[in-house]
Protein backbone atom coordinates (compact mmCIF):
# COMPACT_ATOMS: atom_id res chain seq x y z
CA UNK A 1 0.00 0.00 0.00
CA UNK A 2 1.47 3.33 -0.97
CA UNK A 3 1.11 6.54 0.97
CA UNK A 4 0.60 9.18 -1.66
CA UNK A 5 -0.70 12.53 -0.49
CA UNK A 6 -0.10 16.22 -0.94
CA UNK A 7 -0.13 16.23 2.88
CA UNK A 8 2.37 13.64 4.18
CA UNK A 9 1.23 14.19 7.79
CA UNK A 10 -2.31 13.28 6.76
CA UNK A 11 -1.09 10.12 5.03
CA UNK A 12 0.85 9.10 8.13
CA UNK A 13 -2.29 9.49 10.27
CA UNK A 14 -4.54 7.58 7.90
CA UNK A 15 -2.36 4.69 6.71
CA UNK A 16 -1.99 2.67 9.89
CA UNK A 17 -1.32 -1.03 10.39
CA UNK A 18 -5.05 -1.59 11.00
CA UNK A 19 -5.99 0.21 7.78
CA UNK A 20 -3.44 -1.83 5.83
CA UNK A 21 -4.73 -5.06 7.40
CA UNK A 22 -8.39 -4.25 6.72
CA UNK A 23 -7.61 -3.26 3.13
CA UNK A 24 -5.73 -6.51 2.56
CA UNK A 25 -8.51 -8.58 4.14
CA UNK A 26 -11.08 -6.90 1.91
CA UNK A 27 -8.94 -7.56 -1.18
CA UNK A 28 -9.84 -4.05 -2.24
CA UNK A 29 -8.20 -0.83 -3.20
CA UNK A 30 -9.28 2.66 -2.25
CA UNK A 31 -8.31 6.28 -2.44
CA UNK A 32 -9.57 9.55 -1.08
CA UNK A 33 -10.63 12.26 -3.49
CA UNK A 34 -11.75 15.43 -1.80
CA UNK A 35 -14.54 14.43 0.56
CA UNK A 36 -15.11 11.08 -1.12
CA UNK A 37 -13.68 7.61 -0.65
CA UNK A 38 -13.45 5.62 -3.88
CA UNK A 39 -13.08 1.86 -3.57
CA UNK A 40 -12.64 -0.96 -6.03
CA UNK A 41 -12.19 -4.68 -6.31
CA UNK A 42 -10.74 -6.57 -9.25
CA UNK A 43 -13.30 -9.30 -9.61
CA UNK A 44 -15.22 -10.12 -12.73
CA UNK A 45 -18.67 -9.44 -11.29
CA UNK A 46 -18.16 -6.78 -8.65
CA UNK A 47 -21.85 -5.84 -8.52
CA UNK A 48 -22.44 -9.04 -6.57
CA UNK A 49 -19.85 -7.92 -4.01
CA UNK A 50 -20.78 -4.24 -3.71
CA UNK A 51 -22.32 -4.53 -0.22
CA UNK A 52 -19.19 -6.27 1.08
CA UNK A 53 -17.02 -3.56 -0.45
CA UNK A 54 -19.14 -0.85 1.16
CA UNK A 55 -18.90 -2.60 4.54
CA UNK A 56 -15.12 -2.95 4.18
CA UNK A 57 -14.75 0.72 3.26
CA UNK A 58 -16.86 1.69 6.27
CA UNK A 59 -14.59 -0.38 8.52
CA UNK A 60 -11.49 1.22 6.99
CA UNK A 61 -12.92 4.72 7.52
CA UNK A 62 -13.65 3.70 11.11
CA UNK A 63 -9.92 3.18 11.63
CA UNK A 64 -9.09 6.79 10.73
CA UNK A 65 -8.30 8.88 13.82
CA UNK A 66 -10.77 11.63 14.70
CA UNK A 67 -8.15 14.28 13.99
CA UNK A 68 -8.33 13.65 10.22
CA UNK A 69 -11.90 14.92 10.20
CA UNK A 70 -11.00 18.13 12.02
CA UNK A 71 -8.00 18.92 9.83
CA UNK A 72 -5.64 18.77 12.81
CA UNK A 73 -2.73 16.59 11.68
CA UNK A 74 -0.55 17.52 14.62
CA UNK A 75 1.54 20.15 12.85
C-alpha atoms as a PDB file:
ATOM      1  CA  UNK A   1       0.000   0.000   0.000  1.00  0.00           C
ATOM      2  CA  UNK A   2       1.471   3.331  -0.967  1.00  0.00           C
ATOM      3  CA  UNK A   3       1.113   6.544   0.974  1.00  0.00           C
ATOM      4  CA  UNK A   4       0.596   9.175  -1.656  1.00  0.00           C
ATOM      5  CA  UNK A   5      -0.704  12.531  -0.493  1.00  0.00           C
ATOM      6  CA  UNK A   6      -0.100  16.224  -0.938  1.00  0.00           C
ATOM      7  CA  UNK A   7      -0.128  16.233   2.877  1.00  0.00           C
ATOM      8  CA  UNK A   8       2.367  13.642   4.182  1.00  0.00           C
ATOM      9  CA  UNK A   9       1.233  14.190   7.787  1.00  0.00           C
ATOM     10  CA  UNK A  10      -2.315  13.277   6.758  1.00  0.00           C
ATOM     11  CA  UNK A  11      -1.092  10.121   5.029  1.00  0.00           C
ATOM     12  CA  UNK A  12       0.849   9.097   8.129  1.00  0.00           C
ATOM     13  CA  UNK A  13      -2.285   9.495  10.266  1.00  0.00           C
ATOM     14  CA  UNK A  14      -4.539   7.580   7.901  1.00  0.00           C
ATOM     15  CA  UNK A  15      -2.358   4.688   6.713  1.00  0.00           C
ATOM     16  CA  UNK A  16      -1.995   2.669   9.893  1.00  0.00           C
ATOM     17  CA  UNK A  17      -1.322  -1.026  10.389  1.00  0.00           C
ATOM     18  CA  UNK A  18      -5.049  -1.594  11.000  1.00  0.00           C
ATOM     19  CA  UNK A  19      -5.988   0.206   7.780  1.00  0.00           C
ATOM     20  CA  UNK A  20      -3.442  -1.830   5.833  1.00  0.00           C
ATOM     21  CA  UNK A  21      -4.732  -5.059   7.400  1.00  0.00           C
ATOM     22  CA  UNK A  22      -8.392  -4.253   6.720  1.00  0.00           C
ATOM     23  CA  UNK A  23      -7.614  -3.262   3.135  1.00  0.00           C
ATOM     24  CA  UNK A  24      -5.728  -6.515   2.562  1.00  0.00           C
ATOM     25  CA  UNK A  25      -8.508  -8.583   4.140  1.00  0.00           C
ATOM     26  CA  UNK A  26     -11.081  -6.900   1.906  1.00  0.00           C
ATOM     27  CA  UNK A  27      -8.938  -7.560  -1.176  1.00  0.00           C
ATOM     28  CA  UNK A  28      -9.840  -4.052  -2.244  1.00  0.00           C
ATOM     29  CA  UNK A  29      -8.201  -0.828  -3.197  1.00  0.00           C
ATOM     30  CA  UNK A  30      -9.276   2.657  -2.251  1.00  0.00           C
ATOM     31  CA  UNK A  31      -8.307   6.282  -2.436  1.00  0.00           C
ATOM     32  CA  UNK A  32      -9.568   9.551  -1.081  1.00  0.00           C
ATOM     33  CA  UNK A  33     -10.625  12.262  -3.492  1.00  0.00           C
ATOM     34  CA  UNK A  34     -11.751  15.434  -1.801  1.00  0.00           C
ATOM     35  CA  UNK A  35     -14.544  14.435   0.559  1.00  0.00           C
ATOM     36  CA  UNK A  36     -15.106  11.076  -1.122  1.00  0.00           C
ATOM     37  CA  UNK A  37     -13.675   7.612  -0.651  1.00  0.00           C
ATOM     38  CA  UNK A  38     -13.452   5.623  -3.876  1.00  0.00           C
ATOM     39  CA  UNK A  39     -13.078   1.864  -3.567  1.00  0.00           C
ATOM     40  CA  UNK A  40     -12.640  -0.961  -6.033  1.00  0.00           C
ATOM     41  CA  UNK A  41     -12.190  -4.683  -6.311  1.00  0.00           C
ATOM     42  CA  UNK A  42     -10.737  -6.571  -9.245  1.00  0.00           C
ATOM     43  CA  UNK A  43     -13.303  -9.296  -9.611  1.00  0.00           C
ATOM     44  CA  UNK A  44     -15.224 -10.117 -12.730  1.00  0.00           C
ATOM     45  CA  UNK A  45     -18.672  -9.445 -11.290  1.00  0.00           C
ATOM     46  CA  UNK A  46     -18.155  -6.776  -8.648  1.00  0.00           C
ATOM     47  CA  UNK A  47     -21.849  -5.839  -8.524  1.00  0.00           C
ATOM     48  CA  UNK A  48     -22.442  -9.042  -6.570  1.00  0.00           C
ATOM     49  CA  UNK A  49     -19.847  -7.920  -4.015  1.00  0.00           C
ATOM     50  CA  UNK A  50     -20.784  -4.243  -3.706  1.00  0.00           C
ATOM     51  CA  UNK A  51     -22.316  -4.532  -0.222  1.00  0.00           C
ATOM     52  CA  UNK A  52     -19.191  -6.266   1.080  1.00  0.00           C
ATOM     53  CA  UNK A  53     -17.017  -3.559  -0.450  1.00  0.00           C
ATOM     54  CA  UNK A  54     -19.144  -0.845   1.162  1.00  0.00           C
ATOM     55  CA  UNK A  55     -18.900  -2.597   4.537  1.00  0.00           C
ATOM     56  CA  UNK A  56     -15.119  -2.954   4.179  1.00  0.00           C
ATOM     57  CA  UNK A  57     -14.751   0.719   3.257  1.00  0.00           C
ATOM     58  CA  UNK A  58     -16.864   1.690   6.273  1.00  0.00           C
ATOM     59  CA  UNK A  59     -14.589  -0.382   8.522  1.00  0.00           C
ATOM     60  CA  UNK A  60     -11.493   1.224   6.987  1.00  0.00           C
ATOM     61  CA  UNK A  61     -12.915   4.716   7.523  1.00  0.00           C
ATOM     62  CA  UNK A  62     -13.648   3.700  11.114  1.00  0.00           C
ATOM     63  CA  UNK A  63      -9.917   3.180  11.632  1.00  0.00           C
ATOM     64  CA  UNK A  64      -9.094   6.789  10.730  1.00  0.00           C
ATOM     65  CA  UNK A  65      -8.296   8.881  13.816  1.00  0.00           C
ATOM     66  CA  UNK A  66     -10.771  11.632  14.704  1.00  0.00           C
ATOM     67  CA  UNK A  67      -8.145  14.275  13.987  1.00  0.00           C
ATOM     68  CA  UNK A  68      -8.325  13.647  10.223  1.00  0.00           C
ATOM     69  CA  UNK A  69     -11.901  14.917  10.205  1.00  0.00           C
ATOM     70  CA  UNK A  70     -11.004  18.134  12.016  1.00  0.00           C
ATOM     71  CA  UNK A  71      -8.003  18.921   9.834  1.00  0.00           C
ATOM     72  CA  UNK A  72      -5.643  18.766  12.810  1.00  0.00           C
ATOM     73  CA  UNK A  73      -2.730  16.593  11.685  1.00  0.00           C
ATOM     74  CA  UNK A  74      -0.551  17.522  14.621  1.00  0.00           C
ATOM     75  CA  UNK A  75       1.541  20.153  12.852  1.00  0.00           C
END
